[in-house]
Protein backbone atom coordinates (compact mmCIF):
# COMPACT_ATOMS: atom_id res chain seq x y z
CA MET A 1 0.00 0.00 0.00
CA ASP A 2 1.37 3.39 -0.99
CA GLU A 3 2.16 5.90 1.75
CA PRO A 4 -0.09 8.98 1.95
CA GLU A 5 1.40 11.89 0.04
CA LEU A 6 1.67 15.24 1.84
CA VAL A 7 1.46 18.16 -0.58
CA ASP A 8 2.29 21.76 0.30
CA GLN A 9 -0.70 23.71 -1.00
CA THR A 10 0.36 27.10 0.35
CA ASP A 11 3.25 28.68 2.23
CA PRO A 12 3.17 29.42 5.99
CA GLU A 13 3.38 33.19 5.49
CA THR A 14 0.20 33.19 3.42
CA VAL A 15 -1.57 30.97 5.94
CA PHE A 16 -0.83 33.17 8.92
CA THR A 17 -1.48 36.37 7.00
CA ALA A 18 -5.05 35.11 6.66
CA LEU A 19 -5.34 35.45 10.45
CA SER A 20 -4.01 39.02 10.58
CA ASP A 21 -7.42 40.72 10.96
CA SER A 22 -9.51 40.63 14.13
CA SER A 23 -12.67 40.09 12.09
CA ARG A 24 -11.32 36.75 10.87
CA ILE A 25 -10.50 35.65 14.41
CA GLU A 26 -14.08 36.54 15.36
CA ILE A 27 -15.36 34.36 12.51
CA LEU A 28 -13.34 31.38 13.77
CA GLN A 29 -14.59 31.95 17.31
CA ALA A 30 -18.19 32.27 16.15
CA LEU A 31 -18.02 29.04 14.15
CA ARG A 32 -16.57 27.23 17.16
CA GLU A 33 -19.33 28.55 19.42
CA ILE A 34 -21.97 27.50 16.89
CA GLY A 35 -20.37 24.06 16.99
CA GLY A 36 -21.27 22.93 13.50
CA THR A 37 -22.33 24.27 10.13
CA ALA A 38 -23.63 27.82 9.82
CA THR A 39 -25.17 29.64 6.88
CA PHE A 40 -23.68 32.90 5.67
CA SER A 41 -26.45 34.89 7.38
CA GLU A 42 -26.19 32.95 10.66
CA LEU A 43 -22.44 33.40 10.77
CA ARG A 44 -22.59 37.12 9.93
CA GLU A 45 -25.22 37.66 12.61
CA ALA A 46 -23.11 35.76 15.16
CA VAL A 47 -20.08 37.93 14.39
CA GLY A 48 -22.19 41.10 14.36
CA THR A 49 -20.95 42.57 11.07
CA ARG A 50 -23.52 44.72 9.29
CA ASP A 51 -21.61 45.19 6.05
CA SER A 52 -22.27 42.03 4.04
CA GLY A 53 -19.56 42.74 1.47
CA LYS A 54 -16.89 43.38 4.10
CA PHE A 55 -17.87 40.24 5.98
CA ASN A 56 -17.74 38.14 2.80
CA TYR A 57 -14.26 39.50 2.04
CA HIS A 58 -12.87 38.38 5.40
CA LEU A 59 -14.68 35.03 5.27
CA ASP A 60 -13.21 34.27 1.85
CA LYS A 61 -9.70 34.78 3.28
CA LEU A 62 -10.35 31.89 5.67
CA VAL A 63 -12.02 29.49 3.27
CA GLY A 64 -9.74 26.66 2.25
CA GLN A 65 -7.30 26.55 5.15
CA PHE A 66 -9.42 27.30 8.21
CA VAL A 67 -13.01 27.22 7.00
CA THR A 68 -14.69 24.89 4.53
CA ARG A 69 -17.70 25.83 2.41
CA THR A 70 -20.41 23.21 1.82
CA ASP A 71 -23.90 23.25 0.35
CA ALA A 72 -25.22 23.61 3.91
CA GLY A 73 -22.97 26.52 4.86
CA TYR A 74 -19.61 27.03 6.55
CA GLU A 75 -17.73 25.03 9.18
CA LEU A 76 -14.25 24.90 10.65
CA THR A 77 -11.60 22.68 9.12
CA GLN A 78 -9.37 20.68 11.45
CA ALA A 79 -6.74 23.42 11.11
CA GLY A 80 -9.38 26.00 12.04
CA LYS A 81 -10.26 24.05 15.19
CA GLN A 82 -6.60 23.78 16.14
CA ILE A 83 -5.97 27.50 15.64
CA HIS A 84 -9.04 28.35 17.71
CA GLY A 85 -7.90 25.92 20.40
CA ALA A 86 -4.42 27.47 20.47
CA ILE A 87 -5.93 30.92 20.88
CA GLU A 88 -8.17 29.77 23.72
CA ALA A 89 -5.22 28.00 25.33
CA GLY A 90 -3.40 31.32 25.44
CA ALA A 91 -0.52 29.93 23.40
CA TYR A 92 -0.14 33.21 21.52
CA THR A 93 -1.83 35.75 23.78
CA VAL A 94 -1.46 34.86 27.48
CA THR A 95 1.45 34.54 29.86
CA ALA A 96 1.51 33.31 33.42
CA THR A 97 3.93 32.83 36.30
CA ILE A 98 3.50 30.62 39.36
CA GLU A 99 5.61 31.10 42.44
CA PRO A 100 7.44 27.93 43.60
CA ILE A 101 5.26 25.29 45.25
CA GLU A 102 6.78 22.62 47.49
CA LEU A 103 5.77 19.12 46.43
CA THR A 104 4.45 16.76 49.10
CA THR A 105 6.31 13.77 47.63
CA PRO A 106 10.09 13.65 48.21
CA CYS A 107 12.63 13.30 45.43
CA PRO A 108 12.75 9.60 44.44
CA VAL A 109 16.49 9.91 43.79
CA CYS A 110 17.72 11.32 47.10
CA GLY A 111 14.67 11.90 49.32
CA GLY A 112 15.14 15.68 49.27
CA SER A 113 12.47 18.35 48.97
CA ARG A 114 11.27 19.44 45.55
CA THR A 115 9.62 22.60 44.31
CA LEU A 116 7.48 23.21 41.24
CA SER A 117 7.54 26.55 39.44
CA TYR A 118 6.00 27.88 36.23
CA ALA A 119 7.31 30.57 33.89
CA ASP A 120 7.64 31.02 30.13
CA GLU A 121 4.99 28.32 29.59
CA THR A 122 7.29 25.77 31.24
CA VAL A 123 6.79 23.76 34.43
CA THR A 124 10.07 23.07 36.21
CA VAL A 125 10.54 20.71 39.16
CA ASP A 126 13.83 21.04 41.06
CA CYS A 127 15.27 19.11 43.98
CA ASP A 128 17.06 21.07 46.73
CA SER A 129 19.46 18.20 47.45
CA CYS A 130 20.47 16.69 44.10
CA ALA A 131 20.57 17.38 40.39
CA ALA A 132 17.25 15.72 39.55
CA VAL A 133 15.21 18.14 37.46
CA ALA A 134 12.23 17.97 35.13
CA ALA A 135 11.01 20.64 32.72
CA PHE A 136 8.15 20.47 30.25
CA GLY A 137 5.91 22.85 28.35
CA VAL A 138 2.37 23.56 29.54
CA PRO A 139 -0.01 26.11 27.98
CA PRO A 140 -1.42 28.71 30.43
CA SER A 141 -5.01 27.51 29.97
CA VAL A 142 -4.19 24.26 31.80
CA PHE A 143 -4.07 26.23 35.06
CA ALA A 144 -7.12 28.41 34.41
CA ASP A 145 -9.42 28.74 37.44
CA CYS A 146 -7.51 26.15 39.50
CA ASP A 147 -6.54 26.53 43.16
CA ARG A 148 -2.85 26.85 43.97
CA GLU A 149 -2.80 23.58 45.92
CA ALA A 150 -4.17 21.73 42.89
CA ILE A 151 -1.44 22.93 40.52
CA PRO A 152 1.08 20.07 41.08
CA ASP A 153 -1.61 17.44 40.45
CA ILE A 154 -2.88 19.23 37.33
CA ALA A 155 0.66 19.69 35.98
CA GLY A 156 1.38 16.00 36.62
CA ARG A 157 -1.76 14.84 34.84
CA TYR A 158 -0.96 17.08 31.88
CA LEU A 159 2.57 15.64 31.66
CA ARG A 160 1.24 12.08 31.87
CA THR A 161 -1.26 12.83 29.08
CA THR A 162 1.50 14.32 26.95
CA PHE A 163 3.75 11.31 27.46
CA ARG A 164 0.98 8.91 26.56
CA LYS A 165 0.66 10.74 23.27
CA ILE A 166 4.41 10.51 22.75
CA THR A 167 4.60 6.81 23.63
CA SER A 168 1.71 6.22 21.22
CA GLY A 169 3.93 7.58 18.44
CA PHE A 170 2.74 11.16 17.98
CA CYS A 171 4.72 14.38 18.28
CA PRO A 172 3.33 16.68 21.01
CA PHE A 173 4.09 19.72 18.85
CA CYS A 174 2.96 18.87 15.32
CA ASP A 175 1.20 15.47 15.71
CA GLY A 176 3.64 13.95 13.23
CA PRO A 177 5.16 10.45 13.65
CA ILE A 178 8.00 10.09 16.14
CA GLU A 179 10.58 7.36 16.54
CA PRO A 180 12.20 6.46 19.90
CA THR A 181 15.84 5.69 20.52
CA VAL A 182 17.21 4.43 23.83
CA ARG A 183 20.71 5.65 24.63
CA PRO A 184 22.96 6.60 27.57
CA ILE A 185 21.86 9.80 29.26
CA SER A 186 25.03 11.63 28.21
CA GLU A 187 24.35 10.87 24.53
CA ALA A 188 20.67 11.76 24.80
CA PHE A 189 21.55 15.24 26.00
CA ASP A 190 24.49 15.51 23.60
CA GLY A 191 26.74 17.48 25.91
CA HIS A 192 24.07 19.95 27.05
CA LEU A 193 24.36 18.73 30.64
CA GLU A 194 27.97 19.86 30.79
CA ASP A 195 27.09 23.15 29.08
CA THR A 196 24.57 24.01 31.80
CA GLY A 197 26.73 22.77 34.66
CA ASN A 198 24.10 20.20 35.65
CA ASP A 199 25.37 17.56 38.08
CA LEU A 200 23.62 14.89 36.01
CA ALA A 201 26.66 15.07 33.74
CA ALA A 202 28.55 13.19 36.45
CA GLN A 203 26.01 10.35 36.61
CA PRO A 204 27.14 6.91 35.39
CA ASP A 205 26.93 6.63 31.63
CA ASP A 206 24.92 3.41 31.88
CA ILE A 207 21.71 5.28 32.85
CA PRO A 208 19.29 4.82 29.92
CA HIS A 209 17.30 7.71 28.51
CA VAL A 210 14.76 7.77 25.67
CA GLU A 211 14.95 10.34 22.89
CA TYR A 212 12.09 10.70 20.42
CA ASP A 213 12.70 12.12 16.96
CA CYS A 214 9.83 13.68 15.03
CA THR A 215 10.20 12.99 11.33
CA GLN A 216 7.80 15.86 10.56
CA CYS A 217 9.02 18.91 12.54
CA GLY A 218 12.35 17.67 13.94
CA ALA A 219 11.39 18.01 17.62
CA THR A 220 13.28 15.72 20.03
CA PRO A 221 11.33 15.27 23.28
CA THR A 222 13.06 13.07 25.85
CA GLY A 223 12.11 11.10 28.93
CA GLY A 224 13.60 8.77 31.49
CA LEU A 225 13.09 5.05 30.91
CA GLY A 226 11.28 4.76 34.25
CA LEU A 227 8.59 7.20 33.13
CA VAL A 228 8.34 5.85 29.58
CA CYS A 229 7.73 2.25 30.70
CA PHE A 230 5.54 3.09 33.70
CA ASP A 231 2.31 2.51 31.75
CA HIS A 232 3.43 -0.77 30.18
CA PRO A 233 0.66 -3.40 30.73
CA ALA A 234 3.00 -5.71 32.64
CA VAL A 235 3.97 -2.89 35.02
CA VAL A 236 0.37 -1.75 35.45
CA SER A 237 -0.67 -5.35 36.25
CA PHE A 238 2.26 -5.83 38.64
CA TYR A 239 1.25 -2.84 40.72
CA TYR A 240 -2.48 -3.59 40.50
CA ASP A 241 -1.94 -7.07 41.91
CA ARG A 242 -0.30 -5.39 44.89
CA GLY A 243 -3.06 -2.88 45.49
CA VAL A 244 -1.57 0.07 43.60
CA ASP A 245 -3.43 1.79 40.75
CA VAL A 246 -0.79 3.47 38.60
CA GLN A 247 -3.49 5.76 37.21
CA GLU A 248 -3.81 7.27 40.66
CA GLU A 249 -0.11 7.21 41.46
CA SER A 250 1.50 10.66 41.49
CA ILE A 251 3.73 11.08 38.48
CA TRP A 252 6.15 12.95 40.72
CA ASN A 253 7.08 9.56 42.20
CA VAL A 254 8.30 8.53 38.76
CA ILE A 255 9.96 11.76 37.58
CA GLY A 256 13.65 11.46 38.50
CA PHE A 257 13.42 7.69 38.75
CA PRO A 258 16.24 6.31 40.95
CA PRO A 259 19.37 5.65 38.85
CA ASP A 260 20.03 2.34 40.65
CA ARG A 261 16.80 0.90 39.21
CA GLN A 262 17.69 1.47 35.56
CA THR A 263 20.72 0.47 33.60
CA ILE A 264 22.16 -0.24 30.18
CA ARG A 265 23.05 -3.92 30.21
CA ALA A 266 24.71 -4.13 26.79
CA THR A 267 25.76 -1.74 24.06
CA ASP A 268 26.11 -3.83 20.89
CA PRO A 269 23.27 -4.27 20.39
CA LEU A 270 21.93 -1.96 23.06
CA GLU A 271 19.83 -3.49 25.82
CA ALA A 272 18.44 -1.44 28.72
CA ALA A 273 16.40 -2.36 31.77
CA VAL A 274 14.25 -0.59 34.35
CA SER A 275 12.91 -2.18 37.55
CA TYR A 276 9.84 -1.31 39.62
CA THR A 277 9.30 -2.52 43.19
CA ALA A 278 6.30 -3.05 45.49
CA ASP A 279 5.83 -5.12 48.65
CA GLY A 280 9.40 -6.36 48.48
CA GLU A 281 8.96 -7.75 44.95
CA SER A 282 10.09 -6.36 41.63
CA ILE A 283 9.43 -6.44 37.91
CA THR A 284 12.00 -5.53 35.28
CA VAL A 285 11.23 -4.34 31.77
CA VAL A 286 14.02 -4.96 29.25
CA VAL A 287 14.05 -2.98 26.01
CA ASP A 288 16.24 -2.68 22.95
CA GLU A 289 17.54 0.46 21.24
CA THR A 290 14.20 1.07 19.50
CA LEU A 291 12.28 0.73 22.81
CA ASP A 292 10.79 -2.61 21.83
CA VAL A 293 10.26 -4.76 24.94
CA VAL A 294 12.43 -7.87 24.62
CA ALA A 295 11.81 -9.36 28.08
CA ILE A 296 9.77 -9.03 31.27
CA GLU A 297 11.56 -10.36 34.34
CA GLN A 298 9.98 -11.12 37.72
């Protein structure tokens, strides 16, 4: 079966120029609020534009990329829904800062205290006693109308949702296909740890890390093997049999997974393992360089 062919039908500058007028943004918002197909008159009335010719001019600028015209009227394309969602998320219009919040769960690496902060659309979790750190992007809308004490849980659930999308093979930025590679942590960060002075640069080189490469936009999200394999069916079942629901488990117990529970066993070909423990028992997930599970050990 032939692969689907992606064809560039217009350039990015032209696409975003179509959104340069506030009237066109109002049209997208009106169509989203209507929630389906709207006739020309219904849409113009919803936007509140009296001049029919002016309204038609702006609507035509959106048709094709962001709005589709049918016999029944007008409706948002998938791109139109995504642009509207990005606007509502505050991705282009809103900024937010959250003062550091101390997490109730200790650092799984050293037992130290950790704090969560938010700035520049990025959640950062730092430990006060070791180099364990996590940073990931979160749009401002995720924290809309939430109490301060709920922020760590909401940020954790957002990160878990994002990683499930990644481990399902989709880029969190462009939705394109991504391919995982397991490698030593020093290679995954390609020298950036030393550049920033992070103490993780001194960690043993046999700590496995997973780097995802998006073949569409080139993004390279990364994650520790402990987090990546946490939702594997064998791990979920292992914990469930011991009275632990991983869906309810705080993700902050997995971020910064202890280095002594994960290792690179071989390099040619690469084989890495991560172990989870409960009630004095353990389960080990063994993966190859492409993150395929090659063994489950108990």
